[in-house]
All heavy atoms as atom14 arrays in JSON, in Angstrom:
{
  "sequence": "MQEPSISSPQKLWGHPKGLYYLFFAELWERFSFYGMRALLTLYM",
  "atom14_mask": [
    [1, 1, 1, 1, 1, 1, 1, 1, 0, 0, 0, 0, 0, 0],
    [1, 1, 1, 1, 1, 1, 1, 1, 1, 0, 0, 0, 0, 0],
    [1, 1, 1, 1, 1, 1, 1, 1, 1, 0, 0, 0, 0, 0],
    [1, 1, 1, 1, 1, 1, 1, 0, 0, 0, 0, 0, 0, 0],
    [1, 1, 1, 1, 1, 1, 0, 0, 0, 0, 0, 0, 0, 0],
    [1, 1, 1, 1, 1, 1, 1, 1, 0, 0, 0, 0, 0, 0],
    [1, 1, 1, 1, 1, 1, 0, 0, 0, 0, 0, 0, 0, 0],
    [1, 1, 1, 1, 1, 1, 0, 0, 0, 0, 0, 0, 0, 0],
    [1, 1, 1, 1, 1, 1, 1, 0, 0, 0, 0, 0, 0, 0],
    [1, 1, 1, 1, 1, 1, 1, 1, 1, 0, 0, 0, 0, 0],
    [1, 1, 1, 1, 1, 1, 1, 1, 1, 0, 0, 0, 0, 0],
    [1, 1, 1, 1, 1, 1, 1, 1, 0, 0, 0, 0, 0, 0],
    [1, 1, 1, 1, 1, 1, 1, 1, 1, 1, 1, 1, 1, 1],
    [1, 1, 1, 1, 0, 0, 0, 0, 0, 0, 0, 0, 0, 0],
    [1, 1, 1, 1, 1, 1, 1, 1, 1, 1, 0, 0, 0, 0],
    [1, 1, 1, 1, 1, 1, 1, 0, 0, 0, 0, 0, 0, 0],
    [1, 1, 1, 1, 1, 1, 1, 1, 1, 0, 0, 0, 0, 0],
    [1, 1, 1, 1, 0, 0, 0, 0, 0, 0, 0, 0, 0, 0],
    [1, 1, 1, 1, 1, 1, 1, 1, 0, 0, 0, 0, 0, 0],
    [1, 1, 1, 1, 1, 1, 1, 1, 1, 1, 1, 1, 0, 0],
    [1, 1, 1, 1, 1, 1, 1, 1, 1, 1, 1, 1, 0, 0],
    [1, 1, 1, 1, 1, 1, 1, 1, 0, 0, 0, 0, 0, 0],
    [1, 1, 1, 1, 1, 1, 1, 1, 1, 1, 1, 0, 0, 0],
    [1, 1, 1, 1, 1, 1, 1, 1, 1, 1, 1, 0, 0, 0],
    [1, 1, 1, 1, 1, 0, 0, 0, 0, 0, 0, 0, 0, 0],
    [1, 1, 1, 1, 1, 1, 1, 1, 1, 0, 0, 0, 0, 0],
    [1, 1, 1, 1, 1, 1, 1, 1, 0, 0, 0, 0, 0, 0],
    [1, 1, 1, 1, 1, 1, 1, 1, 1, 1, 1, 1, 1, 1],
    [1, 1, 1, 1, 1, 1, 1, 1, 1, 0, 0, 0, 0, 0],
    [1, 1, 1, 1, 1, 1, 1, 1, 1, 1, 1, 0, 0, 0],
    [1, 1, 1, 1, 1, 1, 1, 1, 1, 1, 1, 0, 0, 0],
    [1, 1, 1, 1, 1, 1, 0, 0, 0, 0, 0, 0, 0, 0],
    [1, 1, 1, 1, 1, 1, 1, 1, 1, 1, 1, 0, 0, 0],
    [1, 1, 1, 1, 1, 1, 1, 1, 1, 1, 1, 1, 0, 0],
    [1, 1, 1, 1, 0, 0, 0, 0, 0, 0, 0, 0, 0, 0],
    [1, 1, 1, 1, 1, 1, 1, 1, 0, 0, 0, 0, 0, 0],
    [1, 1, 1, 1, 1, 1, 1, 1, 1, 1, 1, 0, 0, 0],
    [1, 1, 1, 1, 1, 0, 0, 0, 0, 0, 0, 0, 0, 0],
    [1, 1, 1, 1, 1, 1, 1, 1, 0, 0, 0, 0, 0, 0],
    [1, 1, 1, 1, 1, 1, 1, 1, 0, 0, 0, 0, 0, 0],
    [1, 1, 1, 1, 1, 1, 1, 0, 0, 0, 0, 0, 0, 0],
    [1, 1, 1, 1, 1, 1, 1, 1, 0, 0, 0, 0, 0, 0],
    [1, 1, 1, 1, 1, 1, 1, 1, 1, 1, 1, 1, 0, 0],
    [1, 1, 1, 1, 1, 1, 1, 1, 0, 0, 0, 0, 0, 0]
  ],
  "atom14_positions": [
    [[128.52, 116.51, 103.53], [127.5, 115.63, 102.91], [126.37, 116.48, 102.35], [125.84, 117.38, 103.02], [126.95, 114.66, 103.97], [125.89, 113.72, 103.44], [125.32, 112.57, 104.73], [124.03, 111.74, 103.82], [0.0, 0.0, 0.0], [0.0, 0.0, 0.0], [0.0, 0.0, 0.0], [0.0, 0.0, 0.0], [0.0, 0.0, 0.0], [0.0, 0.0, 0.0]],
    [[125.97, 116.19, 101.13], [124.93, 116.98, 100.48], [123.56, 116.64, 101.06], [123.23, 115.47, 101.26], [124.92, 116.71, 98.97], [123.94, 117.61, 98.21], [124.03, 117.34, 96.72], [124.81, 116.49, 96.29], [123.26, 118.06, 95.95], [0.0, 0.0, 0.0], [0.0, 0.0, 0.0], [0.0, 0.0, 0.0], [0.0, 0.0, 0.0], [0.0, 0.0, 0.0]],
    [[122.79, 117.7, 101.37], [121.46, 117.48, 101.91], [120.55, 116.87, 100.85], [120.62, 117.23, 99.67], [120.85, 118.82, 102.39], [121.5, 119.37, 103.64], [121.07, 118.59, 104.86], [120.01, 117.96, 104.82], [121.83, 118.59, 105.84], [0.0, 0.0, 0.0], [0.0, 0.0, 0.0], [0.0, 0.0, 0.0], [0.0, 0.0, 0.0], [0.0, 0.0, 0.0]],
    [[119.66, 115.98, 101.21], [118.7, 115.45, 100.25], [117.81, 116.57, 99.74], [117.5, 117.52, 100.47], [117.9, 114.43, 101.07], [118.71, 114.15, 102.27], [119.51, 115.36, 102.54], [0.0, 0.0, 0.0], [0.0, 0.0, 0.0], [0.0, 0.0, 0.0], [0.0, 0.0, 0.0], [0.0, 0.0, 0.0], [0.0, 0.0, 0.0], [0.0, 0.0, 0.0]],
    [[117.39, 116.5, 98.53], [116.54, 117.56, 97.97], [115.17, 117.49, 98.59], [114.66, 116.43, 98.92], [116.43, 117.4, 96.44], [115.7, 116.24, 96.13], [0.0, 0.0, 0.0], [0.0, 0.0, 0.0], [0.0, 0.0, 0.0], [0.0, 0.0, 0.0], [0.0, 0.0, 0.0], [0.0, 0.0, 0.0], [0.0, 0.0, 0.0], [0.0, 0.0, 0.0]],
    [[114.56, 118.66, 98.69], [113.23, 118.75, 99.28], [112.19, 118.07, 98.4], [111.23, 117.48, 98.87], [112.85, 120.23, 99.53], [113.8, 120.83, 100.57], [111.42, 120.38, 99.97], [113.63, 122.31, 100.76], [0.0, 0.0, 0.0], [0.0, 0.0, 0.0], [0.0, 0.0, 0.0], [0.0, 0.0, 0.0], [0.0, 0.0, 0.0], [0.0, 0.0, 0.0]],
    [[112.44, 118.1, 97.07], [111.46, 117.54, 96.15], [111.46, 116.01, 96.12], [110.54, 115.4, 95.64], [111.71, 118.08, 94.74], [113.02, 117.73, 94.32], [0.0, 0.0, 0.0], [0.0, 0.0, 0.0], [0.0, 0.0, 0.0], [0.0, 0.0, 0.0], [0.0, 0.0, 0.0], [0.0, 0.0, 0.0], [0.0, 0.0, 0.0], [0.0, 0.0, 0.0]],
    [[112.56, 115.4, 96.61], [112.63, 113.94, 96.6], [113.05, 113.43, 97.96], [114.2, 113.07, 98.19], [113.63, 113.47, 95.54], [114.9, 114.04, 95.78], [0.0, 0.0, 0.0], [0.0, 0.0, 0.0], [0.0, 0.0, 0.0], [0.0, 0.0, 0.0], [0.0, 0.0, 0.0], [0.0, 0.0, 0.0], [0.0, 0.0, 0.0], [0.0, 0.0, 0.0]],
    [[112.12, 113.45, 98.93], [112.45, 113.02, 100.28], [112.87, 111.56, 100.32], [112.44, 110.74, 99.52], [111.12, 113.23, 101.04], [110.07, 113.21, 100.0], [110.69, 113.78, 98.77], [0.0, 0.0, 0.0], [0.0, 0.0, 0.0], [0.0, 0.0, 0.0], [0.0, 0.0, 0.0], [0.0, 0.0, 0.0], [0.0, 0.0, 0.0], [0.0, 0.0, 0.0]],
    [[113.73, 111.25, 101.3], [114.17, 109.87, 101.46], [112.99, 108.99, 101.86], [112.16, 109.39, 102.69], [115.25, 109.81, 102.55], [116.46, 110.67, 102.28], [117.43, 110.63, 103.44], [117.9, 109.57, 103.84], [117.72, 111.79, 104.0], [0.0, 0.0, 0.0], [0.0, 0.0, 0.0], [0.0, 0.0, 0.0], [0.0, 0.0, 0.0], [0.0, 0.0, 0.0]],
    [[112.94, 107.8, 101.27], [111.84, 106.89, 101.55], [112.37, 105.57, 102.08], [113.49, 105.17, 101.8], [111.01, 106.65, 100.29], [110.25, 107.87, 99.78], [109.41, 107.52, 98.57], [108.66, 108.75, 98.06], [107.83, 108.44, 96.87], [0.0, 0.0, 0.0], [0.0, 0.0, 0.0], [0.0, 0.0, 0.0], [0.0, 0.0, 0.0], [0.0, 0.0, 0.0]],
    [[111.53, 104.92, 102.85], [111.83, 103.59, 103.38], [110.52, 102.81, 103.43], [109.57, 103.25, 104.08], [112.46, 103.7, 104.77], [112.84, 102.38, 105.45], [113.93, 101.66, 104.64], [113.32, 102.63, 106.88], [0.0, 0.0, 0.0], [0.0, 0.0, 0.0], [0.0, 0.0, 0.0], [0.0, 0.0, 0.0], [0.0, 0.0, 0.0], [0.0, 0.0, 0.0]],
    [[110.46, 101.7, 102.71], [109.26, 100.88, 102.66], [108.03, 101.68, 102.26], [106.93, 101.53, 102.81], [109.02, 100.18, 104.0], [110.14, 99.26, 104.38], [110.87, 98.45, 103.56], [110.66, 99.05, 105.69], [111.82, 97.75, 104.26], [111.71, 98.1, 105.58], [110.36, 99.56, 106.95], [112.45, 97.67, 106.67], [111.08, 99.12, 108.03], [112.11, 98.19, 107.9]],
    [[108.22, 102.59, 101.31], [107.11, 103.33, 100.75], [106.69, 104.56, 101.51], [105.76, 105.27, 101.09], [0.0, 0.0, 0.0], [0.0, 0.0, 0.0], [0.0, 0.0, 0.0], [0.0, 0.0, 0.0], [0.0, 0.0, 0.0], [0.0, 0.0, 0.0], [0.0, 0.0, 0.0], [0.0, 0.0, 0.0], [0.0, 0.0, 0.0], [0.0, 0.0, 0.0]],
    [[107.32, 104.85, 102.64], [106.97, 106.02, 103.44], [108.2, 106.91, 103.63], [109.34, 106.44, 103.5], [106.43, 105.58, 104.81], [105.07, 104.98, 104.75], [103.92, 105.73, 104.82], [104.68, 103.68, 104.63], [102.87, 104.92, 104.75], [103.31, 103.67, 104.63], [0.0, 0.0, 0.0], [0.0, 0.0, 0.0], [0.0, 0.0, 0.0], [0.0, 0.0, 0.0]],
    [[107.98, 108.2, 103.93], [109.13, 109.06, 104.24], [109.98, 108.45, 105.35], [109.44, 107.96, 106.35], [108.47, 110.37, 104.69], [107.12, 110.37, 104.05], [106.7, 108.92, 104.01], [0.0, 0.0, 0.0], [0.0, 0.0, 0.0], [0.0, 0.0, 0.0], [0.0, 0.0, 0.0], [0.0, 0.0, 0.0], [0.0, 0.0, 0.0], [0.0, 0.0, 0.0]],
    [[111.27, 108.47, 105.18], [112.16, 107.85, 106.15], [112.0, 108.47, 107.54], [112.16, 107.81, 108.56], [113.61, 107.99, 105.68], [114.59, 107.11, 106.42], [115.98, 107.18, 105.78], [116.97, 106.25, 106.49], [118.31, 106.32, 105.87], [0.0, 0.0, 0.0], [0.0, 0.0, 0.0], [0.0, 0.0, 0.0], [0.0, 0.0, 0.0], [0.0, 0.0, 0.0]],
    [[111.65, 109.76, 107.56], [111.47, 110.44, 108.84], [110.39, 109.81, 109.7], [110.42, 109.92, 110.93], [0.0, 0.0, 0.0], [0.0, 0.0, 0.0], [0.0, 0.0, 0.0], [0.0, 0.0, 0.0], [0.0, 0.0, 0.0], [0.0, 0.0, 0.0], [0.0, 0.0, 0.0], [0.0, 0.0, 0.0], [0.0, 0.0, 0.0], [0.0, 0.0, 0.0]],
    [[109.41, 109.13, 109.06], [108.33, 108.49, 109.83], [108.9, 107.5, 110.83], [108.45, 107.43, 111.97], [107.36, 107.78, 108.87], [106.33, 106.87, 109.54], [105.33, 107.7, 110.35], [105.59, 106.03, 108.49], [0.0, 0.0, 0.0], [0.0, 0.0, 0.0], [0.0, 0.0, 0.0], [0.0, 0.0, 0.0], [0.0, 0.0, 0.0], [0.0, 0.0, 0.0]],
    [[109.91, 106.75, 110.43], [110.43, 105.69, 111.29], [111.27, 106.26, 112.43], [111.32, 105.66, 113.52], [111.22, 104.69, 110.45], [110.35, 104.07, 109.37], [110.36, 104.55, 108.07], [109.46, 103.05, 109.7], [109.52, 104.01, 107.1], [108.62, 102.49, 108.74], [108.65, 102.99, 107.45], [107.82, 102.46, 106.5], [0.0, 0.0, 0.0], [0.0, 0.0, 0.0]],
    [[111.88, 107.41, 112.22], [112.58, 108.07, 113.32], [111.57, 108.61, 114.34], [111.78, 108.52, 115.55], [113.46, 109.21, 112.78], [114.74, 108.72, 112.16], [114.77, 108.26, 110.86], [115.93, 108.69, 112.9], [115.95, 107.79, 110.28], [117.11, 108.23, 112.34], [117.11, 107.77, 111.03], [118.28, 107.31, 110.48], [0.0, 0.0, 0.0], [0.0, 0.0, 0.0]],
    [[110.46, 109.16, 113.84], [109.41, 109.62, 114.75], [108.75, 108.43, 115.45], [108.37, 108.52, 116.62], [108.36, 110.43, 113.99], [108.86, 111.74, 113.36], [107.73, 112.43, 112.61], [109.42, 112.68, 114.42], [0.0, 0.0, 0.0], [0.0, 0.0, 0.0], [0.0, 0.0, 0.0], [0.0, 0.0, 0.0], [0.0, 0.0, 0.0], [0.0, 0.0, 0.0]],
    [[108.62, 107.32, 114.73], [108.06, 106.08, 115.29], [108.87, 105.65, 116.52], [108.32, 105.41, 117.6], [108.08, 104.99, 114.22], [107.79, 103.6, 114.71], [106.5, 103.09, 114.68], [108.8, 102.77, 115.2], [106.23, 101.8, 115.12], [108.54, 101.48, 115.64], [107.25, 101.0, 115.59], [0.0, 0.0, 0.0], [0.0, 0.0, 0.0], [0.0, 0.0, 0.0]],
    [[110.19, 105.58, 116.38], [111.03, 105.11, 117.48], [111.14, 106.16, 118.59], [111.22, 105.82, 119.78], [112.41, 104.71, 116.98], [112.42, 103.36, 116.32], [112.53, 103.25, 114.94], [112.31, 102.21, 117.07], [112.52, 102.0, 114.33], [112.3, 100.96, 116.47], [112.41, 100.86, 115.09], [0.0, 0.0, 0.0], [0.0, 0.0, 0.0], [0.0, 0.0, 0.0]],
    [[111.14, 107.44, 118.23], [111.18, 108.49, 119.26], [109.92, 108.43, 120.12], [109.98, 108.51, 121.36], [111.33, 109.87, 118.62], [0.0, 0.0, 0.0], [0.0, 0.0, 0.0], [0.0, 0.0, 0.0], [0.0, 0.0, 0.0], [0.0, 0.0, 0.0], [0.0, 0.0, 0.0], [0.0, 0.0, 0.0], [0.0, 0.0, 0.0], [0.0, 0.0, 0.0]],
    [[108.77, 108.28, 119.47], [107.51, 108.2, 120.21], [107.41, 106.9, 121.0], [106.89, 106.88, 122.12], [106.32, 108.32, 119.25], [104.95, 108.17, 119.88], [104.54, 109.32, 120.77], [105.38, 110.22, 121.02], [103.39, 109.35, 121.24], [0.0, 0.0, 0.0], [0.0, 0.0, 0.0], [0.0, 0.0, 0.0], [0.0, 0.0, 0.0], [0.0, 0.0, 0.0]],
    [[107.94, 105.82, 120.43], [107.93, 104.53, 121.13], [108.64, 104.66, 122.48], [108.11, 104.24, 123.52], [108.61, 103.47, 120.26], [108.62, 102.01, 120.77], [108.8, 101.07, 119.58], [109.75, 101.74, 121.77], [0.0, 0.0, 0.0], [0.0, 0.0, 0.0], [0.0, 0.0, 0.0], [0.0, 0.0, 0.0], [0.0, 0.0, 0.0], [0.0, 0.0, 0.0]],
    [[109.82, 105.26, 122.47], [110.59, 105.36, 123.72], [110.01, 106.42, 124.67], [110.11, 106.28, 125.88], [112.06, 105.64, 123.41], [112.74, 104.42, 122.87], [113.17, 104.2, 121.6], [113.02, 103.22, 123.6], [113.7, 102.95, 121.49], [113.62, 102.32, 122.7], [112.82, 102.82, 124.92], [114.04, 101.05, 123.08], [113.22, 101.54, 125.3], [113.82, 100.67, 124.39]],
    [[109.38, 107.45, 124.09], [108.71, 108.41, 124.98], [107.54, 107.76, 125.69], [107.33, 107.95, 126.89], [108.24, 109.62, 124.16], [107.63, 110.74, 125.0], [106.15, 110.56, 125.26], [105.46, 109.93, 124.43], [105.67, 111.03, 126.32], [0.0, 0.0, 0.0], [0.0, 0.0, 0.0], [0.0, 0.0, 0.0], [0.0, 0.0, 0.0], [0.0, 0.0, 0.0]],
    [[106.75, 106.97, 124.96], [105.63, 106.25, 125.58], [106.14, 105.18, 126.56], [105.49, 104.89, 127.56], [104.75, 105.61, 124.52], [103.98, 106.59, 123.67], [102.88, 107.3, 124.45], [103.3, 108.53, 125.11], [102.53, 109.28, 125.85], [101.27, 108.94, 126.08], [102.98, 110.39, 126.42], [0.0, 0.0, 0.0], [0.0, 0.0, 0.0], [0.0, 0.0, 0.0]],
    [[107.28, 104.58, 126.23], [107.91, 103.64, 127.15], [108.15, 104.32, 128.49], [107.82, 103.77, 129.55], [109.24, 103.17, 126.55], [110.02, 102.23, 127.44], [109.93, 100.86, 127.25], [110.84, 102.7, 128.45], [110.64, 99.98, 128.07], [111.56, 101.84, 129.28], [111.45, 100.47, 129.08], [0.0, 0.0, 0.0], [0.0, 0.0, 0.0], [0.0, 0.0, 0.0]],
    [[108.7, 105.51, 128.45], [109.0, 106.23, 129.69], [107.73, 106.67, 130.4], [107.59, 106.53, 131.62], [109.9, 107.44, 129.4], [109.2, 108.46, 128.72], [0.0, 0.0, 0.0], [0.0, 0.0, 0.0], [0.0, 0.0, 0.0], [0.0, 0.0, 0.0], [0.0, 0.0, 0.0], [0.0, 0.0, 0.0], [0.0, 0.0, 0.0], [0.0, 0.0, 0.0]],
    [[106.76, 107.18, 129.64], [105.55, 107.74, 130.24], [104.71, 106.66, 130.92], [104.31, 106.79, 132.08], [104.71, 108.45, 129.17], [103.48, 109.13, 129.7], [103.55, 110.4, 130.23], [102.25, 108.49, 129.69], [102.42, 111.03, 130.73], [101.12, 109.09, 130.19], [101.21, 110.37, 130.7], [0.0, 0.0, 0.0], [0.0, 0.0, 0.0], [0.0, 0.0, 0.0]],
    [[104.45, 105.56, 130.21], [103.59, 104.52, 130.77], [104.33, 103.66, 131.79], [103.71, 103.12, 132.72], [103.0, 103.65, 129.67], [101.85, 104.34, 128.95], [102.03, 104.94, 127.72], [100.6, 104.41, 129.55], [100.98, 105.59, 127.08], [99.54, 105.05, 128.93], [99.75, 105.63, 127.69], [98.71, 106.29, 127.07], [0.0, 0.0, 0.0], [0.0, 0.0, 0.0]],
    [[105.66, 103.53, 131.62], [106.42, 102.82, 132.64], [106.36, 103.55, 133.97], [106.18, 102.93, 135.03], [0.0, 0.0, 0.0], [0.0, 0.0, 0.0], [0.0, 0.0, 0.0], [0.0, 0.0, 0.0], [0.0, 0.0, 0.0], [0.0, 0.0, 0.0], [0.0, 0.0, 0.0], [0.0, 0.0, 0.0], [0.0, 0.0, 0.0], [0.0, 0.0, 0.0]],
    [[106.49, 104.87, 133.93], [106.39, 105.67, 135.16], [104.98, 105.63, 135.72], [104.78, 105.46, 136.93], [106.8, 107.11, 134.85], [106.77, 108.06, 136.05], [105.13, 108.7, 136.48], [104.8, 109.74, 135.06], [0.0, 0.0, 0.0], [0.0, 0.0, 0.0], [0.0, 0.0, 0.0], [0.0, 0.0, 0.0], [0.0, 0.0, 0.0], [0.0, 0.0, 0.0]],
    [[103.97, 105.77, 134.86], [102.59, 105.82, 135.33], [102.19, 104.54, 136.04], [101.43, 104.56, 137.02], [101.64, 106.06, 134.14], [100.24, 106.46, 134.55], [99.26, 106.35, 133.43], [98.95, 104.97, 133.12], [97.87, 104.57, 132.44], [97.02, 105.46, 131.98], [97.65, 103.28, 132.19], [0.0, 0.0, 0.0], [0.0, 0.0, 0.0], [0.0, 0.0, 0.0]],
    [[102.7, 103.4, 135.58], [102.36, 102.12, 136.2], [102.84, 102.05, 137.64], [102.22, 101.38, 138.48], [102.96, 100.97, 135.39], [0.0, 0.0, 0.0], [0.0, 0.0, 0.0], [0.0, 0.0, 0.0], [0.0, 0.0, 0.0], [0.0, 0.0, 0.0], [0.0, 0.0, 0.0], [0.0, 0.0, 0.0], [0.0, 0.0, 0.0], [0.0, 0.0, 0.0]],
    [[103.92, 102.74, 137.94], [104.49, 102.69, 139.29], [103.94, 103.77, 140.21], [104.08, 103.68, 141.43], [106.02, 102.86, 139.22], [106.8, 101.98, 138.23], [108.29, 102.31, 138.3], [106.58, 100.52, 138.5], [0.0, 0.0, 0.0], [0.0, 0.0, 0.0], [0.0, 0.0, 0.0], [0.0, 0.0, 0.0], [0.0, 0.0, 0.0], [0.0, 0.0, 0.0]],
    [[103.33, 104.81, 139.62], [103.09, 106.05, 140.35], [102.14, 105.89, 141.55], [102.47, 106.32, 142.66], [102.54, 107.11, 139.39], [102.34, 108.51, 139.97], [103.64, 109.06, 140.53], [101.77, 109.45, 138.91], [0.0, 0.0, 0.0], [0.0, 0.0, 0.0], [0.0, 0.0, 0.0], [0.0, 0.0, 0.0], [0.0, 0.0, 0.0], [0.0, 0.0, 0.0]],
    [[100.97, 105.29, 141.35], [99.99, 105.23, 142.43], [100.5, 104.41, 143.62], [100.41, 104.83, 144.78], [98.66, 104.65, 141.92], [98.07, 105.56, 140.99], [97.69, 104.43, 143.07], [0.0, 0.0, 0.0], [0.0, 0.0, 0.0], [0.0, 0.0, 0.0], [0.0, 0.0, 0.0], [0.0, 0.0, 0.0], [0.0, 0.0, 0.0], [0.0, 0.0, 0.0]],
    [[101.05, 103.23, 143.34], [101.58, 102.41, 144.44], [102.77, 103.08, 145.1], [102.98, 102.93, 146.31], [101.96, 101.02, 143.93], [100.77, 100.09, 143.65], [101.24, 98.81, 142.99], [100.03, 99.78, 144.95], [0.0, 0.0, 0.0], [0.0, 0.0, 0.0], [0.0, 0.0, 0.0], [0.0, 0.0, 0.0], [0.0, 0.0, 0.0], [0.0, 0.0, 0.0]],
    [[103.55, 103.83, 144.33], [104.67, 104.57, 144.91], [104.16, 105.61, 145.91], [104.71, 105.76, 147.01], [105.47, 105.24, 143.79], [106.6, 106.12, 144.26], [107.63, 105.6, 145.04], [106.65, 107.47, 143.92], [108.69, 106.41, 145.46], [107.69, 108.28, 144.34], [108.7, 107.74, 145.11], [109.74, 108.55, 145.53], [0.0, 0.0, 0.0], [0.0, 0.0, 0.0]],
    [[103.07, 106.28, 145.57], [102.5, 107.27, 146.49], [101.92, 106.6, 147.72], [102.18, 107.02, 148.86], [101.42, 108.1, 145.77], [101.96, 109.11, 144.77], [100.7, 110.26, 144.17], [99.78, 109.23, 143.05], [0.0, 0.0, 0.0], [0.0, 0.0, 0.0], [0.0, 0.0, 0.0], [0.0, 0.0, 0.0], [0.0, 0.0, 0.0], [0.0, 0.0, 0.0]]
  ]
}
């Protein structure tokens, strides 16, 4: 598969497509971080 050209990045809804992959990666990282933090004090 040919790589997309650097001069014409893939877009989705007016933004670089990579933004939405970072959006979901950060969403699930925060899911894990705050989910754990909510349990931590009472667990101790």
